[in-house]
Amino acid sequence: MRAKVTNGRLVVEGPVDLPEGMVLDLVIDDEGDDLTDGERDRLHAAMNRAWESAQAGRVKPAQDVLRHLRERRAD
């Protein structure tokens, strides 16, 4: 859902399928990120390595990855 400010009021762009009287909490969307150029470069490099690994067939089933993450969180 998107809205813009017009004459000090929020105007929703397009129809909404919400119950009458529903109260919404709005946040301002910051389309940027908080990464430095170096952090962004490292992130992109890691994503490229992961993609290349997946393309080469070095993958794990999602259920195994999720199980591992849950175990780490439980520690």
PDB file of N, CA and C in Angstrom:
ATOM      1  N   MET A   1       0.853  -1.160   0.000  1.00  0.00           N
ATOM      2  CA  MET A   1       0.000   0.000   0.000  1.00  0.00           C
ATOM      3  C   MET A   1       0.903   1.229   0.000  1.00  0.00           C
ATOM      4  N   ARG A   2       0.589   2.156  -0.845  1.00  0.00           N
ATOM      5  CA  ARG A   2       1.362   3.397  -0.917  1.00  0.00           C
ATOM      6  C   ARG A   2       0.425   4.568  -0.743  1.00  0.00           C
ATOM      7  N   ALA A   3       0.954   5.616  -0.172  1.00  0.00           N
ATOM      8  CA  ALA A   3       0.187   6.853  -0.013  1.00  0.00           C
ATOM      9  C   ALA A   3       1.139   8.013  -0.227  1.00  0.00           C
ATOM     10  N   LYS A   4       0.580   9.162  -0.575  1.00  0.00           N
ATOM     11  CA  LYS A   4       1.413  10.358  -0.674  1.00  0.00           C
ATOM     12  C   LYS A   4       0.707  11.483   0.067  1.00  0.00           C
ATOM     13  N   VAL A   5       1.484  12.446   0.472  1.00  0.00           N
ATOM     14  CA  VAL A   5       0.941  13.586   1.207  1.00  0.00           C
ATOM     15  C   VAL A   5       0.468  14.622   0.196  1.00  0.00           C
ATOM     16  N   THR A   6      -0.791  15.014   0.318  1.00  0.00           N
ATOM     17  CA  THR A   6      -1.387  16.042  -0.529  1.00  0.00           C
ATOM     18  C   THR A   6      -2.147  17.001   0.373  1.00  0.00           C
ATOM     19  N   ASN A   7      -1.746  18.274   0.354  1.00  0.00           N
ATOM     20  CA  ASN A   7      -2.383  19.285   1.208  1.00  0.00           C
ATOM     21  C   ASN A   7      -2.428  18.854   2.671  1.00  0.00           C
ATOM     22  N   GLY A   8      -1.327  18.259   3.135  1.00  0.00           N
ATOM     23  CA  GLY A   8      -1.238  17.875   4.539  1.00  0.00           C
ATOM     24  C   GLY A   8      -2.002  16.614   4.907  1.00  0.00           C
ATOM     25  N   ARG A   9      -2.527  15.902   3.935  1.00  0.00           N
ATOM     26  CA  ARG A   9      -3.290  14.671   4.187  1.00  0.00           C
ATOM     27  C   ARG A   9      -2.645  13.506   3.440  1.00  0.00           C
ATOM     28  N   LEU A  10      -2.781  12.309   4.000  1.00  0.00           N
ATOM     29  CA  LEU A  10      -2.318  11.118   3.303  1.00  0.00           C
ATOM     30  C   LEU A  10      -3.387  10.665   2.327  1.00  0.00           C
ATOM     31  N   VAL A  11      -2.991  10.488   1.082  1.00  0.00           N
ATOM     32  CA  VAL A  11      -3.909  10.016   0.050  1.00  0.00           C
ATOM     33  C   VAL A  11      -3.385   8.666  -0.433  1.00  0.00           C
ATOM     34  N   VAL A  12      -4.195   7.624  -0.239  1.00  0.00           N
ATOM     35  CA  VAL A  12      -3.790   6.278  -0.634  1.00  0.00           C
ATOM     36  C   VAL A  12      -3.890   6.152  -2.144  1.00  0.00           C
ATOM     37  N   GLU A  13      -2.852   5.567  -2.729  1.00  0.00           N
ATOM     38  CA  GLU A  13      -2.814   5.375  -4.176  1.00  0.00           C
ATOM     39  C   GLU A  13      -3.458   4.036  -4.508  1.00  0.00           C
ATOM     40  N   GLY A  14      -4.687   4.055  -4.977  1.00  0.00           N
ATOM     41  CA  GLY A  14      -5.385   2.834  -5.359  1.00  0.00           C
ATOM     42  C   GLY A  14      -6.324   2.348  -4.271  1.00  0.00           C
ATOM     43  N   PRO A  15      -7.186   1.407  -4.631  1.00  0.00           N
ATOM     44  CA  PRO A  15      -8.167   0.893  -3.673  1.00  0.00           C
ATOM     45  C   PRO A  15      -7.507   0.018  -2.607  1.00  0.00           C
ATOM     46  N   VAL A  16      -8.152  -0.065  -1.464  1.00  0.00           N
ATOM     47  CA  VAL A  16      -7.677  -0.935  -0.384  1.00  0.00           C
ATOM     48  C   VAL A  16      -8.805  -1.874   0.010  1.00  0.00           C
ATOM     49  N   ASP A  17      -8.453  -3.077   0.396  1.00  0.00           N
ATOM     50  CA  ASP A  17      -9.433  -4.070   0.820  1.00  0.00           C
ATOM     51  C   ASP A  17      -9.271  -4.277   2.321  1.00  0.00           C
ATOM     52  N   LEU A  18      -9.671  -3.267   3.085  1.00  0.00           N
ATOM     53  CA  LEU A  18      -9.554  -3.302   4.539  1.00  0.00           C
ATOM     54  C   LEU A  18     -10.912  -2.993   5.149  1.00  0.00           C
ATOM     55  N   PRO A  19     -11.155  -3.510   6.357  1.00  0.00           N
ATOM     56  CA  PRO A  19     -12.438  -3.235   7.001  1.00  0.00           C
ATOM     57  C   PRO A  19     -12.603  -1.749   7.323  1.00  0.00           C
ATOM     58  N   GLU A  20     -13.818  -1.266   7.219  1.00  0.00           N
ATOM     59  CA  GLU A  20     -14.134   0.126   7.552  1.00  0.00           C
ATOM     60  C   GLU A  20     -13.748   0.399   9.001  1.00  0.00           C
ATOM     61  N   GLY A  21     -13.073   1.517   9.230  1.00  0.00           N
ATOM     62  CA  GLY A  21     -12.696   1.915  10.582  1.00  0.00           C
ATOM     63  C   GLY A  21     -11.386   1.326  11.075  1.00  0.00           C
ATOM     64  N   MET A  22     -10.749   0.481  10.285  1.00  0.00           N
ATOM     65  CA  MET A  22      -9.479  -0.115  10.696  1.00  0.00           C
ATOM     66  C   MET A  22      -8.432   0.981  10.855  1.00  0.00           C
ATOM     67  N   VAL A  23      -7.653   0.899  11.929  1.00  0.00           N
ATOM     68  CA  VAL A  23      -6.588   1.870  12.194  1.00  0.00           C
ATOM     69  C   VAL A  23      -5.267   1.258  11.741  1.00  0.00           C
ATOM     70  N   LEU A  24      -4.485   2.028  10.993  1.00  0.00           N
ATOM     71  CA  LEU A  24      -3.195   1.569  10.492  1.00  0.00           C
ATOM     72  C   LEU A  24      -2.079   2.385  11.113  1.00  0.00           C
ATOM     73  N   ASP A  25      -0.979   1.723  11.432  1.00  0.00           N
ATOM     74  CA  ASP A  25       0.233   2.412  11.858  1.00  0.00           C
ATOM     75  C   ASP A  25       1.119   2.559  10.628  1.00  0.00           C
ATOM     76  N   LEU A  26       1.532   3.763  10.331  1.00  0.00           N
ATOM     77  CA  LEU A  26       2.333   4.027   9.141  1.00  0.00           C
ATOM     78  C   LEU A  26       3.780   4.300   9.522  1.00  0.00           C
ATOM     79  N   VAL A  27       4.686   3.872   8.662  1.00  0.00           N
ATOM     80  CA  VAL A  27       6.104   4.182   8.824  1.00  0.00           C
ATOM     81  C   VAL A  27       6.596   4.789   7.517  1.00  0.00           C
ATOM     82  N   ILE A  28       7.591   5.622   7.613  1.00  0.00           N
ATOM     83  CA  ILE A  28       8.175   6.224   6.417  1.00  0.00           C
ATOM     84  C   ILE A  28       9.142   5.219   5.812  1.00  0.00           C
ATOM     85  N   ASP A  29       8.976   4.942   4.535  1.00  0.00           N
ATOM     86  CA  ASP A  29       9.802   3.977   3.825  1.00  0.00           C
ATOM     87  C   ASP A  29      11.090   4.646   3.379  1.00  0.00           C
ATOM     88  N   ASP A  30      12.202   4.159   3.919  1.00  0.00           N
ATOM     89  CA  ASP A  30      13.517   4.634   3.504  1.00  0.00           C
ATOM     90  C   ASP A  30      14.052   3.629   2.501  1.00  0.00           C
ATOM     91  N   GLU A  31      14.094   4.007   1.242  1.00  0.00           N
ATOM     92  CA  GLU A  31      14.464   3.061   0.204  1.00  0.00           C
ATOM     93  C   GLU A  31      15.951   2.751   0.177  1.00  0.00           C
ATOM     94  N   GLY A  32      16.732   3.451   0.957  1.00  0.00           N
ATOM     95  CA  GLY A  32      18.154   3.165   1.008  1.00  0.00           C
ATOM     96  C   GLY A  32      18.451   2.090   2.028  1.00  0.00           C
ATOM     97  N   ASP A  33      19.706   1.786   2.191  1.00  0.00           N
ATOM     98  CA  ASP A  33      20.113   0.870   3.243  1.00  0.00           C
ATOM     99  C   ASP A  33      21.175   1.565   4.084  1.00  0.00           C
ATOM    100  N   ASP A  34      21.567   0.929   5.147  1.00  0.00           N
ATOM    101  CA  ASP A  34      22.547   1.526   6.051  1.00  0.00           C
ATOM    102  C   ASP A  34      23.951   0.976   5.813  1.00  0.00           C
ATOM    103  N   LEU A  35      24.185   0.378   4.658  1.00  0.00           N
ATOM    104  CA  LEU A  35      25.480  -0.224   4.383  1.00  0.00           C
ATOM    105  C   LEU A  35      26.457   0.804   3.822  1.00  0.00           C
ATOM    106  N   THR A  36      27.714   0.641   4.214  1.00  0.00           N
ATOM    107  CA  THR A  36      28.765   1.438   3.584  1.00  0.00           C
ATOM    108  C   THR A  36      29.060   0.819   2.217  1.00  0.00           C
ATOM    109  N   ASP A  37      29.815   1.518   1.399  1.00  0.00           N
ATOM    110  CA  ASP A  37      30.177   0.960   0.093  1.00  0.00           C
ATOM    111  C   ASP A  37      30.938  -0.351   0.255  1.00  0.00           C
ATOM    112  N   GLY A  38      31.846  -0.409   1.230  1.00  0.00           N
ATOM    113  CA  GLY A  38      32.616  -1.632   1.472  1.00  0.00           C
ATOM    114  C   GLY A  38      31.731  -2.782   1.922  1.00  0.00           C
ATOM    115  N   GLU A  39      30.789  -2.494   2.824  1.00  0.00           N
ATOM    116  CA  GLU A  39      29.861  -3.533   3.282  1.00  0.00           C
ATOM    117  C   GLU A  39      28.998  -4.033   2.129  1.00  0.00           C
ATOM    118  N   ARG A  40      28.551  -3.112   1.300  1.00  0.00           N
ATOM    119  CA  ARG A  40      27.722  -3.496   0.153  1.00  0.00           C
ATOM    120  C   ARG A  40      28.530  -4.348  -0.823  1.00  0.00           C
ATOM    121  N   ASP A  41      29.791  -3.988  -1.054  1.00  0.00           N
ATOM    122  CA  ASP A  41      30.659  -4.782  -1.932  1.00  0.00           C
ATOM    123  C   ASP A  41      30.834  -6.196  -1.382  1.00  0.00           C
ATOM    124  N   ARG A  42      31.059  -6.322  -0.060  1.00  0.00           N
ATOM    125  CA  ARG A  42      31.222  -7.645   0.553  1.00  0.00           C
ATOM    126  C   ARG A  42      29.928  -8.450   0.467  1.00  0.00           C
ATOM    127  N   LEU A  43      28.797  -7.786   0.672  1.00  0.00           N
ATOM    128  CA  LEU A  43      27.504  -8.461   0.561  1.00  0.00           C
ATOM    129  C   LEU A  43      27.298  -8.995  -0.850  1.00  0.00           C
ATOM    130  N   HIS A  44      27.561  -8.162  -1.853  1.00  0.00           N
ATOM    131  CA  HIS A  44      27.382  -8.594  -3.239  1.00  0.00           C
ATOM    132  C   HIS A  44      28.336  -9.731  -3.589  1.00  0.00           C
ATOM    133  N   ALA A  45      29.562  -9.671  -3.091  1.00  0.00           N
ATOM    134  CA  ALA A  45      30.523 -10.749  -3.355  1.00  0.00           C
ATOM    135  C   ALA A  45      30.039 -12.054  -2.723  1.00  0.00           C
ATOM    136  N   ALA A  46      29.527 -11.985  -1.500  1.00  0.00           N
ATOM    137  CA  ALA A  46      29.009 -13.184  -0.831  1.00  0.00           C
ATOM    138  C   ALA A  46      27.806 -13.747  -1.578  1.00  0.00           C
ATOM    139  N   MET A  47      26.939 -12.864  -2.043  1.00  0.00           N
ATOM    140  CA  MET A  47      25.772 -13.321  -2.801  1.00  0.00           C
ATOM    141  C   MET A  47      26.192 -13.965  -4.120  1.00  0.00           C
ATOM    142  N   ASN A  48      27.192 -13.403  -4.775  1.00  0.00           N
ATOM    143  CA  ASN A  48      27.696 -13.991  -6.023  1.00  0.00           C
ATOM    144  C   ASN A  48      28.307 -15.365  -5.774  1.00  0.00           C
ATOM    145  N   ARG A  49      29.087 -15.506  -4.677  1.00  0.00           N
ATOM    146  CA  ARG A  49      29.668 -16.809  -4.353  1.00  0.00           C
ATOM    147  C   ARG A  49      28.567 -17.828  -4.071  1.00  0.00           C
ATOM    148  N   ALA A  50      27.536 -17.409  -3.342  1.00  0.00           N
ATOM    149  CA  ALA A  50      26.431 -18.311  -3.027  1.00  0.00           C
ATOM    150  C   ALA A  50      25.710 -18.747  -4.301  1.00  0.00           C
ATOM    151  N   TRP A  51      25.483 -17.809  -5.210  1.00  0.00           N
ATOM    152  CA  TRP A  51      24.809 -18.137  -6.464  1.00  0.00           C
ATOM    153  C   TRP A  51      25.644 -19.114  -7.292  1.00  0.00           C
ATOM    154  N   GLU A  52      26.947 -18.854  -7.382  1.00  0.00           N
ATOM    155  CA  GLU A  52      27.826 -19.743  -8.139  1.00  0.00           C
ATOM    156  C   GLU A  52      27.848 -21.136  -7.518  1.00  0.00           C
ATOM    157  N   SER A  53      27.850 -21.202  -6.201  1.00  0.00           N
ATOM    158  CA  SER A  53      27.821 -22.485  -5.505  1.00  0.00           C
ATOM    159  C   SER A  53      26.526 -23.239  -5.810  1.00  0.00           C
ATOM    160  N   ALA A  54      25.412 -22.525  -5.791  1.00  0.00           N
ATOM    161  CA  ALA A  54      24.122 -23.151  -6.093  1.00  0.00           C
ATOM    162  C   ALA A  54      24.084 -23.631  -7.540  1.00  0.00           C
ATOM    163  N   GLN A  55      24.605 -22.814  -8.453  1.00  0.00           N
ATOM    164  CA  GLN A  55      24.624 -23.196  -9.867  1.00  0.00           C
ATOM    165  C   GLN A  55      25.475 -24.451 -10.086  1.00  0.00           C
ATOM    166  N   ALA A  56      26.499 -24.635  -9.247  1.00  0.00           N
ATOM    167  CA  ALA A  56      27.381 -25.798  -9.362  1.00  0.00           C
ATOM    168  C   ALA A  56      26.801 -27.021  -8.655  1.00  0.00           C
ATOM    169  N   GLY A  57      25.624 -26.871  -8.060  1.00  0.00           N
ATOM    170  CA  GLY A  57      24.972 -28.007  -7.407  1.00  0.00           C
ATOM    171  C   GLY A  57      25.349 -28.199  -5.957  1.00  0.00           C
ATOM    172  N   ARG A  58      26.097 -27.276  -5.397  1.00  0.00           N
ATOM    173  CA  ARG A  58      26.478 -27.378  -3.985  1.00  0.00           C
ATOM    174  C   ARG A  58      25.389 -26.704  -3.146  1.00  0.00           C
ATOM    175  N   VAL A  59      24.328 -27.438  -2.921  1.00  0.00           N
ATOM    176  CA  VAL A  59      23.179 -26.896  -2.198  1.00  0.00           C
ATOM    177  C   VAL A  59      22.773 -27.852  -1.085  1.00  0.00           C
ATOM    178  N   LYS A  60      21.983 -27.345  -0.143  1.00  0.00           N
ATOM    179  CA  LYS A  60      21.420 -28.148   0.939  1.00  0.00           C
ATOM    180  C   LYS A  60      19.918 -27.938   0.927  1.00  0.00           C
ATOM    181  N   PRO A  61      19.171 -28.964   1.292  1.00  0.00           N
ATOM    182  CA  PRO A  61      17.721 -28.779   1.393  1.00  0.00           C
ATOM    183  C   PRO A  61      17.387 -27.696   2.419  1.00  0.00           C
ATOM    184  N   ALA A  62      16.375 -26.904   2.120  1.00  0.00           N
ATOM    185  CA  ALA A  62      15.985 -25.806   3.010  1.00  0.00           C
ATOM    186  C   ALA A  62      15.680 -26.304   4.408  1.00  0.00           C
ATOM    187  N   GLN A  63      15.052 -27.478   4.521  1.00  0.00           N
ATOM    188  CA  GLN A  63      14.707 -27.979   5.854  1.00  0.00           C
ATOM    189  C   GLN A  63      15.957 -28.219   6.695  1.00  0.00           C
ATOM    190  N   ASP A  64      17.067 -28.640   6.068  1.00  0.00           N
ATOM    191  CA  ASP A  64      18.316 -28.829   6.806  1.00  0.00           C
ATOM    192  C   ASP A  64      18.885 -27.493   7.274  1.00  0.00           C
ATOM    193  N   VAL A  65      18.833 -26.506   6.417  1.00  0.00           N
ATOM    194  CA  VAL A  65      19.333 -25.175   6.779  1.00  0.00           C
ATOM    195  C   VAL A  65      18.509 -24.603   7.925  1.00  0.00           C
ATOM    196  N   LEU A  66      17.189 -24.703   7.827  1.00  0.00           N
ATOM    197  CA  LEU A  66      16.316 -24.180   8.886  1.00  0.00           C
ATOM    198  C   LEU A  66      16.545 -24.908  10.201  1.00  0.00           C
ATOM    199  N   ARG A  67      16.722 -26.225  10.145  1.00  0.00           N
ATOM    200  CA  ARG A  67      16.988 -26.990  11.365  1.00  0.00           C
ATOM    201  C   ARG A  67      18.281 -26.497  12.017  1.00  0.00           C
ATOM    202  N   HIS A  68      19.308 -26.297  11.208  1.00  0.00           N
ATOM    203  CA  HIS A  68      20.591 -25.809  11.725  1.00  0.00           C
ATOM    204  C   HIS A  68      20.429 -24.433  12.379  1.00  0.00           C
ATOM    205  N   LEU A  69      19.684 -23.538  11.743  1.00  0.00           N
ATOM    206  CA  LEU A  69      19.473 -22.202  12.309  1.00  0.00           C
ATOM    207  C   LEU A  69      18.705 -22.271  13.625  1.00  0.00           C
ATOM    208  N   ARG A  70      17.701 -23.140  13.686  1.00  0.00           N
ATOM    209  CA  ARG A  70      16.942 -23.292  14.936  1.00  0.00           C
ATOM    210  C   ARG A  70      17.827 -23.819  16.053  1.00  0.00           C
ATOM    211  N   GLU A  71      18.697 -24.765  15.729  1.00  0.00           N
ATOM    212  CA  GLU A  71      19.610 -25.316  16.732  1.00  0.00           C
ATOM    213  C   GLU A  71      20.562 -24.244  17.242  1.00  0.00           C
ATOM    214  N   ARG A  72      21.066 -23.405  16.346  1.00  0.00           N
ATOM    215  CA  ARG A  72      21.969 -22.320  16.766  1.00  0.00           C
ATOM    216  C   ARG A  72      21.254 -21.339  17.676  1.00  0.00           C
ATOM    217  N   ARG A  73      19.995 -21.043  17.348  1.00  0.00           N
ATOM    218  CA  ARG A  73      19.235 -20.088  18.151  1.00  0.00           C
ATOM    219  C   ARG A  73      18.942 -20.655  19.535  1.00  0.00           C
ATOM    220  N   ALA A  74      18.767 -21.975  19.637  1.00  0.00           N
ATOM    221  CA  ALA A  74      18.443 -22.614  20.911  1.00  0.00           C
ATOM    222  C   ALA A  74      19.643 -22.627  21.855  1.00  0.00           C
ATOM    223  N   ASP A  75      20.855 -22.506  21.310  1.00  0.00           N
ATOM    224  CA  ASP A  75      22.067 -22.555  22.166  1.00  0.00           C
ATOM    225  C   ASP A  75      22.238 -21.337  23.001  1.00  0.00           C
TER     226      ASP A  75
END
